[in-house]
N, C-alpha and C. Protein backbone atom coordinates (compact mmCIF):
# COMPACT_ATOMS: atom_id res chain seq x y z
N MET A 1 97.75 95.64 52.70
CA MET A 1 96.57 95.10 53.33
C MET A 1 96.97 94.13 54.44
N GLN A 2 96.33 94.26 55.59
CA GLN A 2 96.64 93.41 56.73
C GLN A 2 95.71 92.22 56.80
N VAL A 3 96.28 91.06 57.17
CA VAL A 3 95.49 89.83 57.29
C VAL A 3 94.72 89.89 58.60
N LYS A 4 93.40 89.61 58.56
CA LYS A 4 92.57 89.69 59.76
C LYS A 4 92.39 88.32 60.42
N SER A 5 92.51 87.24 59.64
CA SER A 5 92.39 85.91 60.20
C SER A 5 93.30 84.95 59.43
N LYS A 6 93.51 83.79 60.03
CA LYS A 6 94.40 82.82 59.44
C LYS A 6 93.84 81.43 59.71
N VAL A 7 94.23 80.44 58.90
CA VAL A 7 93.78 79.06 59.11
C VAL A 7 94.89 78.32 59.85
N CYS A 8 94.51 77.65 60.93
CA CYS A 8 95.47 76.89 61.74
C CYS A 8 96.00 75.71 60.93
N ARG A 9 97.30 75.50 60.93
CA ARG A 9 97.87 74.42 60.13
C ARG A 9 97.62 73.05 60.77
N THR A 10 97.27 73.01 62.07
CA THR A 10 97.03 71.74 62.74
C THR A 10 95.57 71.33 62.68
N CYS A 11 94.69 72.19 63.19
CA CYS A 11 93.26 71.82 63.23
C CYS A 11 92.47 72.32 62.02
N LYS A 12 93.10 73.12 61.17
CA LYS A 12 92.51 73.63 59.93
C LYS A 12 91.31 74.55 60.15
N LYS A 13 91.17 75.10 61.37
CA LYS A 13 90.08 76.04 61.65
C LYS A 13 90.61 77.46 61.52
N PRO A 14 89.77 78.40 61.04
CA PRO A 14 90.23 79.79 60.97
C PRO A 14 90.25 80.42 62.38
N TRP A 15 91.23 81.30 62.61
CA TRP A 15 91.30 82.01 63.89
C TRP A 15 91.72 83.45 63.66
N PRO A 16 91.16 84.38 64.44
CA PRO A 16 91.45 85.80 64.24
C PRO A 16 92.83 86.18 64.77
N ILE A 17 93.45 87.10 64.09
CA ILE A 17 94.73 87.64 64.54
C ILE A 17 94.40 88.94 65.25
N LYS A 18 94.33 88.89 66.59
CA LYS A 18 93.91 90.10 67.29
C LYS A 18 94.73 90.41 68.54
N THR A 19 95.44 89.45 69.09
CA THR A 19 96.18 89.73 70.32
C THR A 19 97.67 89.52 70.11
N HIS A 20 98.46 89.95 71.09
CA HIS A 20 99.92 89.83 70.99
C HIS A 20 100.37 88.37 70.91
N PHE A 21 99.54 87.44 71.36
CA PHE A 21 99.93 86.03 71.33
C PHE A 21 100.20 85.57 69.90
N TYR A 22 99.43 86.05 68.97
CA TYR A 22 99.51 85.56 67.61
C TYR A 22 100.62 86.21 66.78
N LYS A 23 101.28 87.19 67.35
CA LYS A 23 102.30 87.92 66.59
C LYS A 23 103.63 87.87 67.31
N MET A 24 104.70 87.70 66.55
CA MET A 24 106.04 87.72 67.10
C MET A 24 106.64 89.07 66.76
N VAL A 25 107.05 89.83 67.75
CA VAL A 25 107.62 91.15 67.53
C VAL A 25 109.09 90.98 67.17
N THR A 26 109.47 91.54 66.05
CA THR A 26 110.88 91.51 65.64
C THR A 26 111.41 92.93 65.63
N LYS A 27 112.68 93.09 65.28
CA LYS A 27 113.28 94.44 65.27
C LYS A 27 112.59 95.38 64.29
N THR A 28 112.01 94.82 63.25
CA THR A 28 111.36 95.66 62.23
C THR A 28 109.85 95.78 62.42
N GLY A 29 109.33 95.28 63.54
CA GLY A 29 107.90 95.40 63.80
C GLY A 29 107.23 94.04 63.85
N TYR A 30 105.89 94.04 63.66
CA TYR A 30 105.13 92.78 63.69
C TYR A 30 105.29 92.10 62.33
N GLU A 31 106.17 91.14 62.24
CA GLU A 31 106.38 90.48 60.96
C GLU A 31 105.93 89.03 60.94
N TYR A 32 106.19 88.32 62.02
CA TYR A 32 105.90 86.89 62.02
C TYR A 32 104.59 86.61 62.73
N ILE A 33 103.73 85.87 62.09
CA ILE A 33 102.45 85.50 62.69
C ILE A 33 102.48 83.98 62.88
N TYR A 34 102.12 83.53 64.09
CA TYR A 34 102.13 82.09 64.37
C TYR A 34 101.25 81.34 63.37
N LYS A 35 101.63 80.09 63.07
CA LYS A 35 100.91 79.30 62.08
C LYS A 35 99.79 78.47 62.71
N ASP A 36 99.73 78.43 64.03
CA ASP A 36 98.70 77.65 64.73
C ASP A 36 97.85 78.56 65.59
N CYS A 37 96.63 78.10 65.88
CA CYS A 37 95.80 78.81 66.85
C CYS A 37 96.41 78.58 68.23
N LYS A 38 95.97 79.34 69.21
CA LYS A 38 96.57 79.25 70.54
C LYS A 38 96.48 77.84 71.12
N LYS A 39 95.31 77.22 70.99
CA LYS A 39 95.09 75.88 71.55
C LYS A 39 96.07 74.88 70.94
N CYS A 40 96.22 74.88 69.63
CA CYS A 40 97.13 73.94 68.96
C CYS A 40 98.59 74.28 69.25
N HIS A 41 98.88 75.57 69.32
CA HIS A 41 100.24 76.02 69.61
C HIS A 41 100.70 75.47 70.97
N VAL A 42 99.85 75.60 71.98
CA VAL A 42 100.16 75.11 73.33
C VAL A 42 100.31 73.59 73.31
N LYS A 43 99.38 72.90 72.61
CA LYS A 43 99.40 71.44 72.53
C LYS A 43 100.69 70.95 71.85
N ASN A 44 101.08 71.60 70.75
CA ASN A 44 102.31 71.22 70.04
C ASN A 44 103.56 71.47 70.88
N ASN A 45 103.55 72.58 71.62
CA ASN A 45 104.70 72.86 72.49
C ASN A 45 104.84 71.81 73.57
N LYS A 46 103.71 71.40 74.16
CA LYS A 46 103.73 70.36 75.19
C LYS A 46 104.29 69.06 74.61
N LYS A 47 103.87 68.70 73.39
CA LYS A 47 104.36 67.48 72.73
C LYS A 47 105.87 67.55 72.54
N ARG A 48 106.34 68.68 72.02
CA ARG A 48 107.78 68.87 71.79
C ARG A 48 108.57 68.76 73.09
N ARG A 49 108.04 69.36 74.15
CA ARG A 49 108.73 69.32 75.45
C ARG A 49 108.77 67.91 76.02
N ARG A 50 107.67 67.15 75.82
CA ARG A 50 107.64 65.76 76.32
C ARG A 50 108.62 64.88 75.56
N LYS A 51 108.80 65.14 74.26
CA LYS A 51 109.72 64.35 73.45
C LYS A 51 111.16 64.51 73.92
N ASN A 52 111.53 65.75 74.23
CA ASN A 52 112.92 66.02 74.59
C ASN A 52 112.98 67.01 75.76
N PRO A 53 112.65 66.57 76.97
CA PRO A 53 112.55 67.49 78.10
C PRO A 53 113.90 68.12 78.48
N GLU A 54 114.98 67.36 78.38
CA GLU A 54 116.29 67.89 78.78
C GLU A 54 116.71 69.04 77.88
N HIS A 55 116.44 68.92 76.58
CA HIS A 55 116.78 70.00 75.64
C HIS A 55 116.04 71.28 76.03
N HIS A 56 114.75 71.17 76.31
CA HIS A 56 113.96 72.35 76.65
C HIS A 56 114.38 72.94 77.99
N ARG A 57 114.73 72.09 78.94
CA ARG A 57 115.20 72.57 80.24
C ARG A 57 116.50 73.35 80.07
N THR A 58 117.44 72.74 79.32
CA THR A 58 118.74 73.37 79.08
C THR A 58 118.57 74.65 78.29
N TYR A 59 117.75 74.59 77.22
CA TYR A 59 117.53 75.77 76.40
C TYR A 59 116.92 76.90 77.21
N GLY A 60 115.93 76.56 78.06
CA GLY A 60 115.28 77.59 78.89
C GLY A 60 116.26 78.25 79.83
N ARG A 61 117.08 77.44 80.49
CA ARG A 61 118.09 77.99 81.41
C ARG A 61 119.08 78.88 80.66
N GLU A 62 119.52 78.40 79.51
CA GLU A 62 120.50 79.15 78.71
C GLU A 62 119.90 80.48 78.24
N TYR A 63 118.64 80.42 77.78
CA TYR A 63 117.96 81.63 77.32
C TYR A 63 117.85 82.64 78.47
N GLN A 64 117.45 82.16 79.66
CA GLN A 64 117.33 83.05 80.82
C GLN A 64 118.67 83.64 81.21
N ARG A 65 119.72 82.82 81.17
CA ARG A 65 121.06 83.30 81.52
C ARG A 65 121.49 84.42 80.56
N ARG A 66 121.27 84.19 79.25
CA ARG A 66 121.64 85.22 78.26
C ARG A 66 120.82 86.48 78.47
N TRP A 67 119.51 86.34 78.73
CA TRP A 67 118.64 87.50 78.90
C TRP A 67 119.07 88.31 80.12
N ARG A 68 119.37 87.61 81.24
CA ARG A 68 119.80 88.31 82.45
C ARG A 68 121.10 89.06 82.23
N LYS A 69 122.00 88.45 81.48
CA LYS A 69 123.30 89.08 81.20
C LYS A 69 123.10 90.31 80.30
N LYS A 70 122.18 90.20 79.36
CA LYS A 70 121.93 91.29 78.42
C LYS A 70 121.18 92.46 79.08
N HIS A 71 120.32 92.16 80.07
CA HIS A 71 119.49 93.18 80.73
C HIS A 71 119.71 93.20 82.24
N PRO A 72 120.92 93.47 82.73
CA PRO A 72 121.16 93.38 84.18
C PRO A 72 120.34 94.39 84.98
N GLY A 73 120.22 95.61 84.50
CA GLY A 73 119.47 96.63 85.22
C GLY A 73 117.99 96.30 85.30
N ARG A 74 117.46 95.84 84.18
CA ARG A 74 116.04 95.49 84.13
C ARG A 74 115.75 94.29 85.05
N MET A 75 116.65 93.31 85.03
CA MET A 75 116.48 92.13 85.88
C MET A 75 116.48 92.53 87.35
N ARG A 76 117.42 93.40 87.72
CA ARG A 76 117.52 93.87 89.10
C ARG A 76 116.23 94.56 89.53
N ARG A 77 115.70 95.43 88.64
CA ARG A 77 114.45 96.13 88.95
C ARG A 77 113.28 95.16 89.09
N LEU A 78 113.21 94.16 88.21
CA LEU A 78 112.13 93.17 88.28
C LEU A 78 112.20 92.38 89.58
N VAL A 79 113.40 91.96 89.94
CA VAL A 79 113.58 91.19 91.17
C VAL A 79 113.21 92.03 92.39
N LYS A 80 113.70 93.27 92.44
CA LYS A 80 113.41 94.16 93.57
C LYS A 80 111.91 94.41 93.68
N ALA A 81 111.25 94.63 92.54
CA ALA A 81 109.81 94.87 92.55
C ALA A 81 109.06 93.65 93.07
N TRP A 82 109.48 92.46 92.62
CA TRP A 82 108.83 91.23 93.09
C TRP A 82 109.05 91.05 94.59
N GLN A 83 110.29 91.30 95.06
CA GLN A 83 110.59 91.15 96.48
C GLN A 83 109.77 92.11 97.32
N LYS A 84 109.59 93.32 96.82
CA LYS A 84 108.81 94.32 97.56
C LYS A 84 107.34 93.93 97.61
N LYS A 85 106.83 93.46 96.47
CA LYS A 85 105.42 93.09 96.38
C LYS A 85 105.12 91.85 97.23
N ASN A 86 106.05 90.92 97.29
CA ASN A 86 105.86 89.65 98.00
C ASN A 86 106.80 89.55 99.20
N ARG A 87 106.88 90.61 99.98
CA ARG A 87 107.87 90.72 101.06
C ARG A 87 107.85 89.54 102.04
N LYS A 88 106.68 89.21 102.55
CA LYS A 88 106.59 88.12 103.53
C LYS A 88 107.05 86.80 102.93
N HIS A 89 106.55 86.50 101.75
CA HIS A 89 106.91 85.25 101.08
C HIS A 89 108.41 85.22 100.78
N TYR A 90 108.94 86.34 100.29
CA TYR A 90 110.36 86.43 99.95
C TYR A 90 111.23 86.17 101.19
N LEU A 91 110.91 86.82 102.29
CA LEU A 91 111.70 86.64 103.52
C LEU A 91 111.59 85.21 104.05
N ALA A 92 110.39 84.65 104.00
CA ALA A 92 110.20 83.28 104.51
C ALA A 92 110.97 82.26 103.66
N THR A 93 110.89 82.39 102.35
CA THR A 93 111.59 81.44 101.49
C THR A 93 113.10 81.62 101.58
N ARG A 94 113.53 82.86 101.71
CA ARG A 94 114.97 83.13 101.85
C ARG A 94 115.49 82.51 103.14
N ARG A 95 114.73 82.69 104.20
CA ARG A 95 115.10 82.14 105.51
C ARG A 95 115.12 80.60 105.46
N ALA A 96 114.09 80.02 104.84
CA ALA A 96 114.02 78.55 104.74
C ALA A 96 115.19 78.01 103.92
N ALA A 97 115.55 78.70 102.84
CA ALA A 97 116.68 78.26 102.00
C ALA A 97 117.98 78.33 102.81
N HIS A 98 118.11 79.39 103.59
CA HIS A 98 119.31 79.54 104.43
C HIS A 98 119.38 78.42 105.47
N MET A 99 118.24 78.07 106.04
CA MET A 99 118.20 76.99 107.03
C MET A 99 118.57 75.64 106.38
N ARG A 100 118.04 75.41 105.16
CA ARG A 100 118.36 74.16 104.46
C ARG A 100 119.86 74.04 104.21
N LYS A 101 120.49 75.18 103.97
CA LYS A 101 121.94 75.20 103.74
C LYS A 101 122.69 74.64 104.96
N HIS A 102 122.14 74.86 106.14
CA HIS A 102 122.75 74.37 107.38
C HIS A 102 122.10 73.07 107.86
N GLY A 103 121.26 72.47 107.04
CA GLY A 103 120.64 71.19 107.38
C GLY A 103 119.56 71.30 108.44
N LEU A 104 118.86 72.44 108.46
CA LEU A 104 117.80 72.67 109.44
C LEU A 104 116.47 72.95 108.74
N THR A 105 115.40 72.59 109.39
CA THR A 105 114.10 73.05 108.94
C THR A 105 113.75 74.26 109.81
N LEU A 106 112.76 75.02 109.41
CA LEU A 106 112.37 76.18 110.23
C LEU A 106 111.89 75.73 111.61
N LYS A 107 111.24 74.58 111.67
CA LYS A 107 110.75 74.05 112.94
C LYS A 107 111.94 73.75 113.87
N GLU A 108 112.97 73.11 113.33
CA GLU A 108 114.18 72.80 114.12
C GLU A 108 114.87 74.08 114.58
N TYR A 109 114.90 75.08 113.69
CA TYR A 109 115.50 76.37 114.05
C TYR A 109 114.76 76.99 115.24
N HIS A 110 113.43 76.98 115.18
CA HIS A 110 112.64 77.56 116.27
C HIS A 110 112.84 76.78 117.58
N LEU A 111 113.04 75.47 117.48
CA LEU A 111 113.34 74.68 118.67
C LEU A 111 114.70 75.07 119.27
N LEU A 112 115.68 75.34 118.40
CA LEU A 112 117.00 75.79 118.88
C LEU A 112 116.90 77.15 119.57
N VAL A 113 116.12 78.04 118.96
CA VAL A 113 115.92 79.38 119.56
C VAL A 113 115.31 79.23 120.95
N LYS A 114 114.31 78.39 121.04
CA LYS A 114 113.63 78.16 122.32
C LYS A 114 114.60 77.55 123.34
N ALA A 115 115.43 76.60 122.91
CA ALA A 115 116.40 75.95 123.80
C ALA A 115 117.42 76.95 124.34
N GLN A 116 117.78 77.95 123.52
CA GLN A 116 118.73 78.99 123.95
C GLN A 116 118.03 80.14 124.65
N GLY A 117 116.75 80.06 124.81
CA GLY A 117 116.00 81.12 125.47
C GLY A 117 115.90 82.39 124.64
N GLY A 118 116.05 82.26 123.32
CA GLY A 118 115.97 83.42 122.43
C GLY A 118 117.17 84.34 122.55
N ARG A 119 118.26 83.85 123.12
CA ARG A 119 119.45 84.67 123.35
C ARG A 119 120.66 84.13 122.58
N CYS A 120 121.60 85.03 122.34
CA CYS A 120 122.86 84.70 121.66
C CYS A 120 123.68 83.78 122.56
N ALA A 121 124.35 82.78 121.97
CA ALA A 121 125.15 81.82 122.73
C ALA A 121 126.42 82.46 123.30
N ILE A 122 126.87 83.61 122.77
CA ILE A 122 128.10 84.25 123.27
C ILE A 122 127.78 85.36 124.27
N CYS A 123 127.04 86.38 123.84
CA CYS A 123 126.80 87.54 124.70
C CYS A 123 125.55 87.39 125.59
N ARG A 124 124.74 86.38 125.32
CA ARG A 124 123.51 86.09 126.07
C ARG A 124 122.46 87.21 125.98
N LYS A 125 122.57 88.07 124.97
CA LYS A 125 121.59 89.13 124.76
C LYS A 125 120.59 88.70 123.70
N ARG A 126 119.40 89.30 123.78
CA ARG A 126 118.41 89.08 122.72
C ARG A 126 118.81 89.95 121.52
N PRO A 127 118.66 89.42 120.32
CA PRO A 127 119.05 90.22 119.15
C PRO A 127 118.15 91.43 118.96
N ARG A 128 118.77 92.56 118.64
CA ARG A 128 118.03 93.81 118.39
C ARG A 128 118.58 94.45 117.14
N GLY A 129 117.79 95.25 116.51
CA GLY A 129 118.25 95.96 115.33
C GLY A 129 117.09 96.52 114.55
N LYS A 130 117.42 97.34 113.54
CA LYS A 130 116.39 97.97 112.72
C LYS A 130 115.85 97.01 111.67
N SER A 131 116.72 96.21 111.07
CA SER A 131 116.28 95.31 110.00
C SER A 131 115.86 93.96 110.58
N PRO A 132 114.99 93.24 109.84
CA PRO A 132 114.56 91.92 110.31
C PRO A 132 115.73 90.95 110.51
N ALA A 133 116.77 91.07 109.67
CA ALA A 133 117.93 90.18 109.78
C ALA A 133 118.67 90.41 111.09
N MET A 134 118.69 91.65 111.56
CA MET A 134 119.40 91.97 112.81
C MET A 134 118.63 91.47 114.03
N ARG A 135 117.33 91.26 113.87
CA ARG A 135 116.50 90.83 115.00
C ARG A 135 116.38 89.32 115.10
N LYS A 136 117.15 88.60 114.29
CA LYS A 136 117.09 87.13 114.31
C LYS A 136 118.43 86.57 114.80
N LEU A 137 118.37 85.38 115.34
CA LEU A 137 119.60 84.67 115.69
C LEU A 137 120.08 83.91 114.46
N HIS A 138 121.37 83.92 114.23
CA HIS A 138 121.93 83.31 113.03
C HIS A 138 122.65 82.01 113.38
N VAL A 139 122.61 81.07 112.46
CA VAL A 139 123.23 79.77 112.68
C VAL A 139 124.74 79.90 112.49
N ASP A 140 125.50 79.64 113.55
CA ASP A 140 126.96 79.66 113.46
C ASP A 140 127.42 78.27 113.05
N HIS A 141 128.43 78.23 112.20
CA HIS A 141 128.95 76.93 111.76
C HIS A 141 130.45 77.03 111.52
N CYS A 142 131.13 75.91 111.61
CA CYS A 142 132.56 75.83 111.36
C CYS A 142 132.77 75.85 109.85
N HIS A 143 133.58 76.79 109.37
CA HIS A 143 133.79 76.90 107.93
C HIS A 143 134.65 75.76 107.39
N ALA A 144 135.49 75.17 108.23
CA ALA A 144 136.35 74.07 107.79
C ALA A 144 135.55 72.78 107.63
N THR A 145 134.73 72.45 108.62
CA THR A 145 134.00 71.17 108.60
C THR A 145 132.55 71.32 108.18
N GLY A 146 131.99 72.53 108.28
CA GLY A 146 130.59 72.76 107.96
C GLY A 146 129.67 72.36 109.11
N LYS A 147 130.26 71.95 110.22
CA LYS A 147 129.47 71.50 111.38
C LYS A 147 128.76 72.69 112.02
N ARG A 148 127.49 72.50 112.30
CA ARG A 148 126.67 73.54 112.91
C ARG A 148 127.03 73.66 114.38
N ARG A 149 127.12 74.91 114.87
CA ARG A 149 127.41 75.12 116.29
C ARG A 149 126.14 75.60 116.98
N GLU A 150 126.10 76.85 117.42
CA GLU A 150 124.89 77.36 118.08
C GLU A 150 124.39 78.60 117.35
N LEU A 151 123.39 79.25 117.93
CA LEU A 151 122.81 80.45 117.32
C LEU A 151 123.43 81.69 117.94
N LEU A 152 123.79 82.65 117.08
CA LEU A 152 124.44 83.88 117.52
C LEU A 152 123.71 85.10 116.98
N CYS A 153 123.87 86.22 117.70
CA CYS A 153 123.35 87.49 117.18
C CYS A 153 124.32 87.95 116.07
N VAL A 154 123.91 88.93 115.27
CA VAL A 154 124.72 89.38 114.13
C VAL A 154 126.09 89.89 114.57
N PRO A 155 126.20 90.79 115.60
CA PRO A 155 127.53 91.28 115.97
C PRO A 155 128.49 90.16 116.40
N CYS A 156 128.02 89.21 117.19
CA CYS A 156 128.89 88.10 117.62
C CYS A 156 129.27 87.21 116.44
N ASN A 157 128.32 86.95 115.56
CA ASN A 157 128.58 86.12 114.39
C ASN A 157 129.61 86.79 113.48
N ARG A 158 129.45 88.09 113.26
CA ARG A 158 130.41 88.82 112.43
C ARG A 158 131.77 88.89 113.09
N GLY A 159 131.77 89.08 114.40
CA GLY A 159 133.04 89.14 115.13
C GLY A 159 133.84 87.86 114.95
N LEU A 160 133.17 86.72 115.09
CA LEU A 160 133.87 85.45 114.87
C LEU A 160 134.38 85.36 113.43
N GLY A 161 133.57 85.82 112.51
CA GLY A 161 133.97 85.80 111.09
C GLY A 161 135.18 86.67 110.83
N TYR A 162 135.20 87.87 111.43
CA TYR A 162 136.34 88.78 111.23
C TYR A 162 137.63 88.18 111.79
N PHE A 163 137.51 87.36 112.83
CA PHE A 163 138.70 86.71 113.41
C PHE A 163 138.93 85.32 112.80
N HIS A 164 138.21 85.01 111.73
CA HIS A 164 138.36 83.75 110.99
C HIS A 164 138.24 82.54 111.91
N ASP A 165 137.35 82.62 112.89
CA ASP A 165 137.09 81.52 113.84
C ASP A 165 138.37 81.03 114.53
N ASN A 166 139.33 81.93 114.72
CA ASN A 166 140.61 81.56 115.32
C ASN A 166 140.62 81.93 116.81
N PRO A 167 140.59 80.94 117.72
CA PRO A 167 140.55 81.22 119.16
C PRO A 167 141.77 82.00 119.65
N LYS A 168 142.92 81.74 119.03
CA LYS A 168 144.16 82.43 119.44
C LYS A 168 144.04 83.94 119.20
N ASP A 169 143.53 84.31 118.03
CA ASP A 169 143.34 85.74 117.72
C ASP A 169 142.28 86.37 118.62
N LEU A 170 141.24 85.63 118.92
CA LEU A 170 140.19 86.14 119.81
C LEU A 170 140.72 86.38 121.22
N ARG A 171 141.55 85.45 121.71
CA ARG A 171 142.16 85.64 123.04
C ARG A 171 143.08 86.85 123.04
N ALA A 172 143.85 87.01 121.96
CA ALA A 172 144.76 88.16 121.84
C ALA A 172 143.96 89.47 121.86
N ALA A 173 142.81 89.47 121.17
CA ALA A 173 141.96 90.66 121.15
C ALA A 173 141.40 90.94 122.55
N ALA A 174 140.99 89.89 123.27
CA ALA A 174 140.47 90.05 124.64
C ALA A 174 141.57 90.59 125.55
N ASP A 175 142.80 90.06 125.42
CA ASP A 175 143.92 90.55 126.22
C ASP A 175 144.20 92.02 125.92
N TYR A 176 144.16 92.37 124.65
CA TYR A 176 144.38 93.76 124.22
C TYR A 176 143.36 94.69 124.89
N LEU A 177 142.08 94.28 124.85
CA LEU A 177 141.03 95.11 125.45
C LEU A 177 141.22 95.24 126.96
N GLU A 178 141.63 94.17 127.62
CA GLU A 178 141.86 94.22 129.08
C GLU A 178 143.06 95.11 129.41
N ARG A 179 144.11 95.08 128.60
CA ARG A 179 145.28 95.94 128.82
C ARG A 179 144.93 97.42 128.70
N HIS A 180 144.02 97.73 127.78
CA HIS A 180 143.69 99.13 127.49
C HIS A 180 142.34 99.55 128.06
N ALA A 181 141.88 98.85 129.07
CA ALA A 181 140.59 99.19 129.67
C ALA A 181 140.70 100.35 130.65
């Protein structure tokens, strides 16, 4: 025989067992039924979290880390689905996070773009490409000091990266191209 209602241990009022909230799914099926009604359950959880916030923060992070490790494919699918559904928001927040990494706000970035005339600092061309990332100017920075330089298109930025920001190697490459032109 299945129990249709239960008495809340906190407020002592009866409550129906009808939704997934009231049942904990275990490996053997629906076995554990919460001892509190939803209202008291939420209230008690808030009290517990206020008593020891660091424990709950750490526990939550640890639980998420274990879950992601256990379900890598599912996590990837969930993230991709969210990114697709929230494309504009995802790109804007990703861009803003990238700017913060270089100590810029989006407003400052747009001022730099305007100051450079929307062109790459090396080739002086406007960025072009199929993907949104290729159509933007990227913040160039010194990897040794972290100092921000100017804005570059993707090919110029990658080129500097492939030469490890070494002017000597870049000059040698330019000489090589001139010899074989």
